[in-house]
Amino acid sequence: MSQSFVVNNLPSSVTDITLLRFIRENSALCNVEHIQPFPDGYHHINDRTGTKSVQIFFSTNAEGDLLKNLFEQDGTIKRLEYLEDSAGDSVVAGNTPVRRLSVTGC
């Protein structure tokens, strides 16, 4: 049975592919089963703050703990933006203040 948590305040420019790459490069032991917009495809982006929320599905509690710790580390946002930028896409962060990521269990 899958488990999940929600990551809030991701820069809206960061794609799901970049999230998967970030997880693979930083916690190879975790198997992400699925990533989806949270709460849905229409409401997951906050245009005013330039952020979005996603729900990440995984298999075990141990994977959940590893992933939660990974996303709550200082510098995670900058590393995600760097990965997105290195993929050839331009990061549109500008002067928009990006908050620290928050992870909420579902």
PDB file of N, CA and C in Angstrom:
ATOM      1  N   MET A   1       0.831  -1.173   0.000  1.00  0.00           N
ATOM      2  CA  MET A   1       0.000   0.000   0.000  1.00  0.00           C
ATOM      3  C   MET A   1       0.884   1.248   0.000  1.00  0.00           C
ATOM      4  N   SER A   2       0.568   2.190  -0.818  1.00  0.00           N
ATOM      5  CA  SER A   2       1.346   3.418  -0.937  1.00  0.00           C
ATOM      6  C   SER A   2       1.067   4.367   0.220  1.00  0.00           C
ATOM      7  N   GLN A   3       2.086   5.158   0.531  1.00  0.00           N
ATOM      8  CA  GLN A   3       1.972   6.231   1.499  1.00  0.00           C
ATOM      9  C   GLN A   3       2.372   7.508   0.789  1.00  0.00           C
ATOM     10  N   SER A   4       2.053   8.645   1.376  1.00  0.00           N
ATOM     11  CA  SER A   4       2.387   9.891   0.698  1.00  0.00           C
ATOM     12  C   SER A   4       2.571  11.023   1.687  1.00  0.00           C
ATOM     13  N   PHE A   5       3.168  12.093   1.204  1.00  0.00           N
ATOM     14  CA  PHE A   5       3.190  13.357   1.920  1.00  0.00           C
ATOM     15  C   PHE A   5       3.113  14.475   0.903  1.00  0.00           C
ATOM     16  N   VAL A   6       2.825  15.668   1.392  1.00  0.00           N
ATOM     17  CA  VAL A   6       2.681  16.841   0.537  1.00  0.00           C
ATOM     18  C   VAL A   6       3.864  17.764   0.775  1.00  0.00           C
ATOM     19  N   VAL A   7       4.468  18.236  -0.311  1.00  0.00           N
ATOM     20  CA  VAL A   7       5.538  19.225  -0.233  1.00  0.00           C
ATOM     21  C   VAL A   7       4.959  20.545  -0.722  1.00  0.00           C
ATOM     22  N   ASN A   8       4.977  21.539   0.147  1.00  0.00           N
ATOM     23  CA  ASN A   8       4.459  22.869  -0.173  1.00  0.00           C
ATOM     24  C   ASN A   8       5.604  23.837  -0.424  1.00  0.00           C
ATOM     25  N   ASN A   9       5.298  24.929  -1.085  1.00  0.00           N
ATOM     26  CA  ASN A   9       6.235  26.027  -1.334  1.00  0.00           C
ATOM     27  C   ASN A   9       7.379  25.668  -2.278  1.00  0.00           C
ATOM     28  N   LEU A  10       7.166  24.688  -3.148  1.00  0.00           N
ATOM     29  CA  LEU A  10       8.143  24.420  -4.208  1.00  0.00           C
ATOM     30  C   LEU A  10       8.090  25.567  -5.209  1.00  0.00           C
ATOM     31  N   PRO A  11       9.235  26.008  -5.719  1.00  0.00           N
ATOM     32  CA  PRO A  11       9.177  27.005  -6.794  1.00  0.00           C
ATOM     33  C   PRO A  11       8.361  26.443  -7.958  1.00  0.00           C
ATOM     34  N   SER A  12       7.455  27.223  -8.498  1.00  0.00           N
ATOM     35  CA  SER A  12       6.566  26.713  -9.548  1.00  0.00           C
ATOM     36  C   SER A  12       7.315  26.344 -10.819  1.00  0.00           C
ATOM     37  N   SER A  13       8.552  26.812 -10.974  1.00  0.00           N
ATOM     38  CA  SER A  13       9.337  26.484 -12.164  1.00  0.00           C
ATOM     39  C   SER A  13       9.942  25.083 -12.105  1.00  0.00           C
ATOM     40  N   VAL A  14       9.957  24.451 -10.933  1.00  0.00           N
ATOM     41  CA  VAL A  14      10.557  23.123 -10.776  1.00  0.00           C
ATOM     42  C   VAL A  14       9.571  22.065 -11.267  1.00  0.00           C
ATOM     43  N   THR A  15      10.006  21.241 -12.215  1.00  0.00           N
ATOM     44  CA  THR A  15       9.142  20.214 -12.804  1.00  0.00           C
ATOM     45  C   THR A  15       9.191  18.915 -12.005  1.00  0.00           C
ATOM     46  N   ASP A  16       8.247  18.017 -12.286  1.00  0.00           N
ATOM     47  CA  ASP A  16       8.244  16.701 -11.650  1.00  0.00           C
ATOM     48  C   ASP A  16       9.494  15.909 -12.025  1.00  0.00           C
ATOM     49  N   ILE A  17       9.972  16.065 -13.247  1.00  0.00           N
ATOM     50  CA  ILE A  17      11.194  15.379 -13.686  1.00  0.00           C
ATOM     51  C   ILE A  17      12.373  15.823 -12.834  1.00  0.00           C
ATOM     52  N   THR A  18      12.458  17.119 -12.559  1.00  0.00           N
ATOM     53  CA  THR A  18      13.531  17.634 -11.711  1.00  0.00           C
ATOM     54  C   THR A  18      13.399  17.088 -10.293  1.00  0.00           C
ATOM     55  N   LEU A  19      12.173  16.992  -9.775  1.00  0.00           N
ATOM     56  CA  LEU A  19      11.971  16.409  -8.447  1.00  0.00           C
ATOM     57  C   LEU A  19      12.462  14.966  -8.397  1.00  0.00           C
ATOM     58  N   LEU A  20      12.108  14.179  -9.407  1.00  0.00           N
ATOM     59  CA  LEU A  20      12.554  12.782  -9.457  1.00  0.00           C
ATOM     60  C   LEU A  20      14.074  12.690  -9.543  1.00  0.00           C
ATOM     61  N   ARG A  21      14.673  13.540 -10.352  1.00  0.00           N
ATOM     62  CA  ARG A  21      16.137  13.560 -10.480  1.00  0.00           C
ATOM     63  C   ARG A  21      16.781  13.936  -9.140  1.00  0.00           C
ATOM     64  N   PHE A  22      16.232  14.933  -8.469  1.00  0.00           N
ATOM     65  CA  PHE A  22      16.739  15.371  -7.171  1.00  0.00           C
ATOM     66  C   PHE A  22      16.673  14.228  -6.158  1.00  0.00           C
ATOM     67  N   ILE A  23      15.554  13.525  -6.120  1.00  0.00           N
ATOM     68  CA  ILE A  23      15.394  12.402  -5.190  1.00  0.00           C
ATOM     69  C   ILE A  23      16.371  11.289  -5.530  1.00  0.00           C
ATOM     70  N   ARG A  24      16.486  10.952  -6.802  1.00  0.00           N
ATOM     71  CA  ARG A  24      17.385   9.876  -7.222  1.00  0.00           C
ATOM     72  C   ARG A  24      18.835  10.191  -6.867  1.00  0.00           C
ATOM     73  N   GLU A  25      19.256  11.441  -7.079  1.00  0.00           N
ATOM     74  CA  GLU A  25      20.645  11.821  -6.827  1.00  0.00           C
ATOM     75  C   GLU A  25      20.965  11.973  -5.346  1.00  0.00           C
ATOM     76  N   ASN A  26      19.963  12.215  -4.519  1.00  0.00           N
ATOM     77  CA  ASN A  26      20.217  12.480  -3.104  1.00  0.00           C
ATOM     78  C   ASN A  26      19.747  11.390  -2.152  1.00  0.00           C
ATOM     79  N   SER A  27      18.927  10.480  -2.619  1.00  0.00           N
ATOM     80  CA  SER A  27      18.473   9.370  -1.775  1.00  0.00           C
ATOM     81  C   SER A  27      18.115   8.193  -2.672  1.00  0.00           C
ATOM     82  N   ALA A  28      19.140   7.550  -3.175  1.00  0.00           N
ATOM     83  CA  ALA A  28      18.961   6.473  -4.151  1.00  0.00           C
ATOM     84  C   ALA A  28      18.142   5.307  -3.602  1.00  0.00           C
ATOM     85  N   LEU A  29      18.026   5.195  -2.288  1.00  0.00           N
ATOM     86  CA  LEU A  29      17.289   4.084  -1.694  1.00  0.00           C
ATOM     87  C   LEU A  29      15.778   4.264  -1.754  1.00  0.00           C
ATOM     88  N   CYS A  30      15.330   5.452  -2.114  1.00  0.00           N
ATOM     89  CA  CYS A  30      13.891   5.741  -2.147  1.00  0.00           C
ATOM     90  C   CYS A  30      13.302   5.488  -3.528  1.00  0.00           C
ATOM     91  N   ASN A  31      12.164   4.824  -3.538  1.00  0.00           N
ATOM     92  CA  ASN A  31      11.455   4.558  -4.777  1.00  0.00           C
ATOM     93  C   ASN A  31      10.163   5.373  -4.785  1.00  0.00           C
ATOM     94  N   VAL A  32      10.163   6.451  -5.560  1.00  0.00           N
ATOM     95  CA  VAL A  32       8.961   7.275  -5.676  1.00  0.00           C
ATOM     96  C   VAL A  32       8.021   6.598  -6.663  1.00  0.00           C
ATOM     97  N   GLU A  33       6.815   6.308  -6.216  1.00  0.00           N
ATOM     98  CA  GLU A  33       5.839   5.642  -7.065  1.00  0.00           C
ATOM     99  C   GLU A  33       5.082   6.614  -7.956  1.00  0.00           C
ATOM    100  N   HIS A  34       4.856   7.832  -7.448  1.00  0.00           N
ATOM    101  CA  HIS A  34       4.012   8.766  -8.194  1.00  0.00           C
ATOM    102  C   HIS A  34       4.156  10.164  -7.610  1.00  0.00           C
ATOM    103  N   ILE A  35       4.081  11.180  -8.467  1.00  0.00           N
ATOM    104  CA  ILE A  35       4.018  12.579  -8.039  1.00  0.00           C
ATOM    105  C   ILE A  35       2.803  13.203  -8.716  1.00  0.00           C
ATOM    106  N   GLN A  36       2.003  13.931  -7.939  1.00  0.00           N
ATOM    107  CA  GLN A  36       0.833  14.587  -8.520  1.00  0.00           C
ATOM    108  C   GLN A  36       0.630  15.954  -7.877  1.00  0.00           C
ATOM    109  N   PRO A  37      -0.034  16.867  -8.595  1.00  0.00           N
ATOM    110  CA  PRO A  37      -0.344  18.178  -8.021  1.00  0.00           C
ATOM    111  C   PRO A  37      -1.245  18.008  -6.799  1.00  0.00           C
ATOM    112  N   PHE A  38      -1.090  18.900  -5.822  1.00  0.00           N
ATOM    113  CA  PHE A  38      -1.936  18.839  -4.634  1.00  0.00           C
ATOM    114  C   PHE A  38      -2.532  20.214  -4.372  1.00  0.00           C
ATOM    115  N   PRO A  39      -3.796  20.364  -4.135  1.00  0.00           N
ATOM    116  CA  PRO A  39      -4.818  19.334  -4.019  1.00  0.00           C
ATOM    117  C   PRO A  39      -5.307  18.809  -5.367  1.00  0.00           C
ATOM    118  N   ASP A  40      -5.136  19.609  -6.435  1.00  0.00           N
ATOM    119  CA  ASP A  40      -5.498  19.142  -7.776  1.00  0.00           C
ATOM    120  C   ASP A  40      -4.743  19.975  -8.801  1.00  0.00           C
ATOM    121  N   GLY A  41      -4.891  19.623 -10.059  1.00  0.00           N
ATOM    122  CA  GLY A  41      -4.160  20.285 -11.127  1.00  0.00           C
ATOM    123  C   GLY A  41      -4.475  21.755 -11.299  1.00  0.00           C
ATOM    124  N   TYR A  42      -5.619  22.195 -10.827  1.00  0.00           N
ATOM    125  CA  TYR A  42      -6.014  23.594 -10.990  1.00  0.00           C
ATOM    126  C   TYR A  42      -5.556  24.465  -9.820  1.00  0.00           C
ATOM    127  N   HIS A  43      -5.586  23.918  -8.614  1.00  0.00           N
ATOM    128  CA  HIS A  43      -5.342  24.715  -7.413  1.00  0.00           C
ATOM    129  C   HIS A  43      -3.946  24.562  -6.820  1.00  0.00           C
ATOM    130  N   HIS A  44      -3.052  23.800  -7.428  1.00  0.00           N
ATOM    131  CA  HIS A  44      -1.766  23.523  -6.785  1.00  0.00           C
ATOM    132  C   HIS A  44      -0.737  24.642  -6.928  1.00  0.00           C
ATOM    133  N   ILE A  45      -0.951  25.619  -7.820  1.00  0.00           N
ATOM    134  CA  ILE A  45       0.005  26.710  -8.018  1.00  0.00           C
ATOM    135  C   ILE A  45      -0.520  27.985  -7.367  1.00  0.00           C
ATOM    136  N   ASN A  46       0.355  28.638  -6.610  1.00  0.00           N
ATOM    137  CA  ASN A  46       0.047  29.937  -6.011  1.00  0.00           C
ATOM    138  C   ASN A  46       0.776  30.986  -6.846  1.00  0.00           C
ATOM    139  N   ASP A  47       0.062  31.633  -7.744  1.00  0.00           N
ATOM    140  CA  ASP A  47       0.668  32.614  -8.649  1.00  0.00           C
ATOM    141  C   ASP A  47       1.268  33.802  -7.909  1.00  0.00           C
ATOM    142  N   ARG A  48       0.657  34.181  -6.817  1.00  0.00           N
ATOM    143  CA  ARG A  48       1.131  35.351  -6.071  1.00  0.00           C
ATOM    144  C   ARG A  48       2.531  35.130  -5.492  1.00  0.00           C
ATOM    145  N   THR A  49       2.810  33.923  -4.996  1.00  0.00           N
ATOM    146  CA  THR A  49       4.115  33.639  -4.391  1.00  0.00           C
ATOM    147  C   THR A  49       5.052  32.884  -5.324  1.00  0.00           C
ATOM    148  N   GLY A  50       4.543  32.425  -6.476  1.00  0.00           N
ATOM    149  CA  GLY A  50       5.380  31.676  -7.415  1.00  0.00           C
ATOM    150  C   GLY A  50       5.744  30.293  -6.917  1.00  0.00           C
ATOM    151  N   THR A  51       4.832  29.688  -6.137  1.00  0.00           N
ATOM    152  CA  THR A  51       5.099  28.364  -5.576  1.00  0.00           C
ATOM    153  C   THR A  51       3.993  27.384  -5.955  1.00  0.00           C
ATOM    154  N   LYS A  52       4.248  26.107  -5.683  1.00  0.00           N
ATOM    155  CA  LYS A  52       3.250  25.070  -5.927  1.00  0.00           C
ATOM    156  C   LYS A  52       3.361  23.997  -4.855  1.00  0.00           C
ATOM    157  N   SER A  53       2.370  23.107  -4.808  1.00  0.00           N
ATOM    158  CA  SER A  53       2.344  21.981  -3.881  1.00  0.00           C
ATOM    159  C   SER A  53       2.192  20.697  -4.675  1.00  0.00           C
ATOM    160  N   VAL A  54       2.934  19.664  -4.262  1.00  0.00           N
ATOM    161  CA  VAL A  54       2.817  18.353  -4.897  1.00  0.00           C
ATOM    162  C   VAL A  54       2.697  17.284  -3.824  1.00  0.00           C
ATOM    163  N   GLN A  55       2.066  16.182  -4.194  1.00  0.00           N
ATOM    164  CA  GLN A  55       1.951  15.024  -3.324  1.00  0.00           C
ATOM    165  C   GLN A  55       2.867  13.948  -3.884  1.00  0.00           C
ATOM    166  N   ILE A  56       3.734  13.405  -3.027  1.00  0.00           N
ATOM    167  CA  ILE A  56       4.704  12.392  -3.439  1.00  0.00           C
ATOM    168  C   ILE A  56       4.326  11.073  -2.783  1.00  0.00           C
ATOM    169  N   PHE A  57       4.174  10.018  -3.598  1.00  0.00           N
ATOM    170  CA  PHE A  57       3.804   8.691  -3.115  1.00  0.00           C
ATOM    171  C   PHE A  57       5.034   7.789  -3.085  1.00  0.00           C
ATOM    172  N   PHE A  58       5.146   6.982  -2.029  1.00  0.00           N
ATOM    173  CA  PHE A  58       6.271   6.070  -1.836  1.00  0.00           C
ATOM    174  C   PHE A  58       5.748   4.823  -1.128  1.00  0.00           C
ATOM    175  N   SER A  59       6.627   3.830  -0.908  1.00  0.00           N
ATOM    176  CA  SER A  59       6.170   2.535  -0.403  1.00  0.00           C
ATOM    177  C   SER A  59       6.234   2.358   1.113  1.00  0.00           C
ATOM    178  N   THR A  60       7.343   2.747   1.726  1.00  0.00           N
ATOM    179  CA  THR A  60       7.558   2.394   3.135  1.00  0.00           C
ATOM    180  C   THR A  60       7.750   3.625   4.015  1.00  0.00           C
ATOM    181  N   ASN A  61       7.594   3.418   5.316  1.00  0.00           N
ATOM    182  CA  ASN A  61       7.840   4.498   6.276  1.00  0.00           C
ATOM    183  C   ASN A  61       9.285   4.968   6.222  1.00  0.00           C
ATOM    184  N   ALA A  62      10.216   4.030   6.037  1.00  0.00           N
ATOM    185  CA  ALA A  62      11.636   4.389   5.968  1.00  0.00           C
ATOM    186  C   ALA A  62      11.894   5.322   4.788  1.00  0.00           C
ATOM    187  N   GLU A  63      11.281   5.025   3.638  1.00  0.00           N
ATOM    188  CA  GLU A  63      11.419   5.911   2.478  1.00  0.00           C
ATOM    189  C   GLU A  63      10.819   7.283   2.778  1.00  0.00           C
ATOM    190  N   GLY A  64       9.687   7.291   3.434  1.00  0.00           N
ATOM    191  CA  GLY A  64       9.047   8.549   3.792  1.00  0.00           C
ATOM    192  C   GLY A  64       9.919   9.398   4.696  1.00  0.00           C
ATOM    193  N   ASP A  65      10.562   8.755   5.680  1.00  0.00           N
ATOM    194  CA  ASP A  65      11.451   9.489   6.580  1.00  0.00           C
ATOM    195  C   ASP A  65      12.645  10.062   5.833  1.00  0.00           C
ATOM    196  N   LEU A  66      13.239   9.258   4.937  1.00  0.00           N
ATOM    197  CA  LEU A  66      14.378   9.743   4.142  1.00  0.00           C
ATOM    198  C   LEU A  66      13.978  10.926   3.264  1.00  0.00           C
ATOM    199  N   LEU A  67      12.847  10.794   2.592  1.00  0.00           N
ATOM    200  CA  LEU A  67      12.392  11.863   1.704  1.00  0.00           C
ATOM    201  C   LEU A  67      12.022  13.119   2.481  1.00  0.00           C
ATOM    202  N   LYS A  68      11.355  12.951   3.609  1.00  0.00           N
ATOM    203  CA  LYS A  68      10.979  14.110   4.420  1.00  0.00           C
ATOM    204  C   LYS A  68      12.228  14.865   4.861  1.00  0.00           C
ATOM    205  N   ASN A  69      13.223  14.132   5.352  1.00  0.00           N
ATOM    206  CA  ASN A  69      14.469  14.777   5.775  1.00  0.00           C
ATOM    207  C   ASN A  69      15.161  15.465   4.609  1.00  0.00           C
ATOM    208  N   LEU A  70      15.124  14.852   3.442  1.00  0.00           N
ATOM    209  CA  LEU A  70      15.743  15.434   2.255  1.00  0.00           C
ATOM    210  C   LEU A  70      15.098  16.771   1.904  1.00  0.00           C
ATOM    211  N   PHE A  71      13.782  16.828   1.897  1.00  0.00           N
ATOM    212  CA  PHE A  71      13.085  18.054   1.512  1.00  0.00           C
ATOM    213  C   PHE A  71      13.137  19.135   2.589  1.00  0.00           C
ATOM    214  N   GLU A  72      13.372  18.763   3.832  1.00  0.00           N
ATOM    215  CA  GLU A  72      13.418  19.755   4.908  1.00  0.00           C
ATOM    216  C   GLU A  72      14.813  20.323   5.154  1.00  0.00           C
ATOM    217  N   GLN A  73      15.819  19.843   4.424  1.00  0.00           N
ATOM    218  CA  GLN A  73      17.178  20.360   4.600  1.00  0.00           C
ATOM    219  C   GLN A  73      17.286  21.792   4.096  1.00  0.00           C
ATOM    220  N   ASP A  74      18.145  22.569   4.767  1.00  0.00           N
ATOM    221  CA  ASP A  74      18.437  23.918   4.280  1.00  0.00           C
ATOM    222  C   ASP A  74      19.115  23.811   2.924  1.00  0.00           C
ATOM    223  N   GLY A  75      18.792  24.684   2.029  1.00  0.00           N
ATOM    224  CA  GLY A  75      19.413  24.691   0.711  1.00  0.00           C
ATOM    225  C   GLY A  75      18.714  23.836  -0.326  1.00  0.00           C
ATOM    226  N   THR A  76      17.651  23.138   0.059  1.00  0.00           N
ATOM    227  CA  THR A  76      16.944  22.274  -0.891  1.00  0.00           C
ATOM    228  C   THR A  76      16.373  23.074  -2.057  1.00  0.00           C
ATOM    229  N   ILE A  77      15.804  24.232  -1.773  1.00  0.00           N
ATOM    230  CA  ILE A  77      15.206  25.040  -2.840  1.00  0.00           C
ATOM    231  C   ILE A  77      16.270  25.462  -3.843  1.00  0.00           C
ATOM    232  N   LYS A  78      17.409  25.913  -3.357  1.00  0.00           N
ATOM    233  CA  LYS A  78      18.485  26.332  -4.265  1.00  0.00           C
ATOM    234  C   LYS A  78      18.987  25.159  -5.099  1.00  0.00           C
ATOM    235  N   ARG A  79      19.088  23.975  -4.493  1.00  0.00           N
ATOM    236  CA  ARG A  79      19.540  22.791  -5.239  1.00  0.00           C
ATOM    237  C   ARG A  79      18.517  22.392  -6.295  1.00  0.00           C
ATOM    238  N   LEU A  80      17.233  22.471  -5.968  1.00  0.00           N
ATOM    239  CA  LEU A  80      16.193  22.166  -6.955  1.00  0.00           C
ATOM    240  C   LEU A  80      16.232  23.161  -8.112  1.00  0.00           C
ATOM    241  N   GLU A  81      16.377  24.444  -7.796  1.00  0.00           N
ATOM    242  CA  GLU A  81      16.451  25.457  -8.850  1.00  0.00           C
ATOM    243  C   GLU A  81      17.681  25.252  -9.723  1.00  0.00           C
ATOM    244  N   TYR A  82      18.805  24.878  -9.118  1.00  0.00           N
ATOM    245  CA  TYR A  82      20.024  24.617  -9.884  1.00  0.00           C
ATOM    246  C   TYR A  82      19.815  23.434 -10.830  1.00  0.00           C
ATOM    247  N   LEU A  83      19.214  22.352 -10.327  1.00  0.00           N
ATOM    248  CA  LEU A  83      18.938  21.189 -11.181  1.00  0.00           C
ATOM    249  C   LEU A  83      18.012  21.554 -12.329  1.00  0.00           C
ATOM    250  N   GLU A  84      16.986  22.335 -12.039  1.00  0.00           N
ATOM    251  CA  GLU A  84      16.052  22.754 -13.089  1.00  0.00           C
ATOM    252  C   GLU A  84      16.781  23.591 -14.130  1.00  0.00           C
ATOM    253  N   ASP A  85      17.623  24.497 -13.669  1.00  0.00           N
ATOM    254  CA  ASP A  85      18.374  25.366 -14.574  1.00  0.00           C
ATOM    255  C   ASP A  85      19.374  24.566 -15.403  1.00  0.00           C
ATOM    256  N   SER A  86      19.998  23.557 -14.796  1.00  0.00           N
ATOM    257  CA  SER A  86      20.987  22.759 -15.520  1.00  0.00           C
ATOM    258  C   SER A  86      20.340  21.848 -16.560  1.00  0.00           C
ATOM    259  N   ALA A  87      19.025  21.671 -16.464  1.00  0.00           N
ATOM    260  CA  ALA A  87      18.311  20.856 -17.451  1.00  0.00           C
ATOM    261  C   ALA A  87      18.011  21.649 -18.713  1.00  0.00           C
ATOM    262  N   GLY A  88      18.407  22.930 -18.715  1.00  0.00           N
ATOM    263  CA  GLY A  88      18.205  23.752 -19.899  1.00  0.00           C
ATOM    264  C   GLY A  88      17.036  24.696 -19.804  1.00  0.00           C
ATOM    265  N   ASP A  89      16.262  24.593 -18.728  1.00  0.00           N
ATOM    266  CA  ASP A  89      15.136  25.502 -18.538  1.00  0.00           C
ATOM    267  C   ASP A  89      15.601  26.685 -17.701  1.00  0.00           C
ATOM    268  N   SER A  90      15.055  27.831 -17.961  1.00  0.00           N
ATOM    269  CA  SER A  90      15.415  28.995 -17.157  1.00  0.00           C
ATOM    270  C   SER A  90      14.564  29.022 -15.895  1.00  0.00           C
ATOM    271  N   VAL A  91      15.200  29.328 -14.791  1.00  0.00           N
ATOM    272  CA  VAL A  91      14.499  29.410 -13.519  1.00  0.00           C
ATOM    273  C   VAL A  91      13.947  30.817 -13.363  1.00  0.00           C
ATOM    274  N   VAL A  92      12.651  30.904 -13.158  1.00  0.00           N
ATOM    275  CA  VAL A  92      12.013  32.201 -13.008  1.00  0.00           C
ATOM    276  C   VAL A  92      11.688  32.390 -11.531  1.00  0.00           C
ATOM    277  N   ALA A  93      12.688  32.790 -10.772  1.00  0.00           N
ATOM    278  CA  ALA A  93      12.457  33.058  -9.362  1.00  0.00           C
ATOM    279  C   ALA A  93      12.392  34.554  -9.131  1.00  0.00           C
ATOM    280  N   GLY A  94      13.203  35.299  -9.888  1.00  0.00           N
ATOM    281  CA  GLY A  94      13.188  36.750  -9.787  1.00  0.00           C
ATOM    282  C   GLY A  94      13.343  37.228  -8.363  1.00  0.00           C
ATOM    283  N   ASN A  95      12.583  38.229  -7.999  1.00  0.00           N
ATOM    284  CA  ASN A  95      12.619  38.771  -6.651  1.00  0.00           C
ATOM    285  C   ASN A  95      11.503  38.212  -5.781  1.00  0.00           C
ATOM    286  N   THR A  96      10.864  37.154  -6.250  1.00  0.00           N
ATOM    287  CA  THR A  96       9.786  36.556  -5.482  1.00  0.00           C
ATOM    288  C   THR A  96      10.370  35.844  -4.273  1.00  0.00           C
ATOM    289  N   PRO A  97       9.955  36.202  -3.066  1.00  0.00           N
ATOM    290  CA  PRO A  97      10.485  35.509  -1.893  1.00  0.00           C
ATOM    291  C   PRO A  97       9.947  34.084  -1.848  1.00  0.00           C
ATOM    292  N   VAL A  98      10.848  33.114  -1.817  1.00  0.00           N
ATOM    293  CA  VAL A  98      10.444  31.715  -1.763  1.00  0.00           C
ATOM    294  C   VAL A  98      10.646  31.235  -0.337  1.00  0.00           C
ATOM    295  N   ARG A  99       9.606  30.694   0.236  1.00  0.00           N
ATOM    296  CA  ARG A  99       9.669  30.231   1.617  1.00  0.00           C
ATOM    297  C   ARG A  99      10.366  28.883   1.697  1.00  0.00           C
ATOM    298  N   ARG A 100      10.673  28.483   2.914  1.00  0.00           N
ATOM    299  CA  ARG A 100      11.230  27.158   3.144  1.00  0.00           C
ATOM    300  C   ARG A 100      10.156  26.121   2.819  1.00  0.00           C
ATOM    301  N   LEU A 101      10.577  24.991   2.264  1.00  0.00           N
ATOM    302  CA  LEU A 101       9.639  23.925   1.933  1.00  0.00           C
ATOM    303  C   LEU A 101       9.021  23.364   3.204  1.00  0.00           C
ATOM    304  N   SER A 102       7.773  22.987   3.136  1.00  0.00           N
ATOM    305  CA  SER A 102       7.146  22.300   4.258  1.00  0.00           C
ATOM    306  C   SER A 102       6.586  20.979   3.766  1.00  0.00           C
ATOM    307  N   VAL A 103       6.715  19.958   4.599  1.00  0.00           N
ATOM    308  CA  VAL A 103       6.273  18.612   4.254  1.00  0.00           C
ATOM    309  C   VAL A 103       5.185  18.215   5.238  1.00  0.00           C
ATOM    310  N   THR A 104       4.046  17.765   4.704  1.00  0.00           N
ATOM    311  CA  THR A 104       2.903  17.399   5.523  1.00  0.00           C
ATOM    312  C   THR A 104       2.480  15.983   5.190  1.00  0.00           C
ATOM    313  N   GLY A 105       2.356  15.114   6.186  1.00  0.00           N
ATOM    314  CA  GLY A 105       1.907  13.752   5.959  1.00  0.00           C
ATOM    315  C   GLY A 105       0.440  13.705   5.604  1.00  0.00           C
ATOM    316  N   CYS A 106       0.079  12.722   4.778  1.00  0.00           N
ATOM    317  CA  CYS A 106      -1.326  12.566   4.387  1.00  0.00           C
ATOM    318  C   CYS A 106      -1.878  11.296   4.981  1.00  0.00           C
TER     319      CYS A 106
END
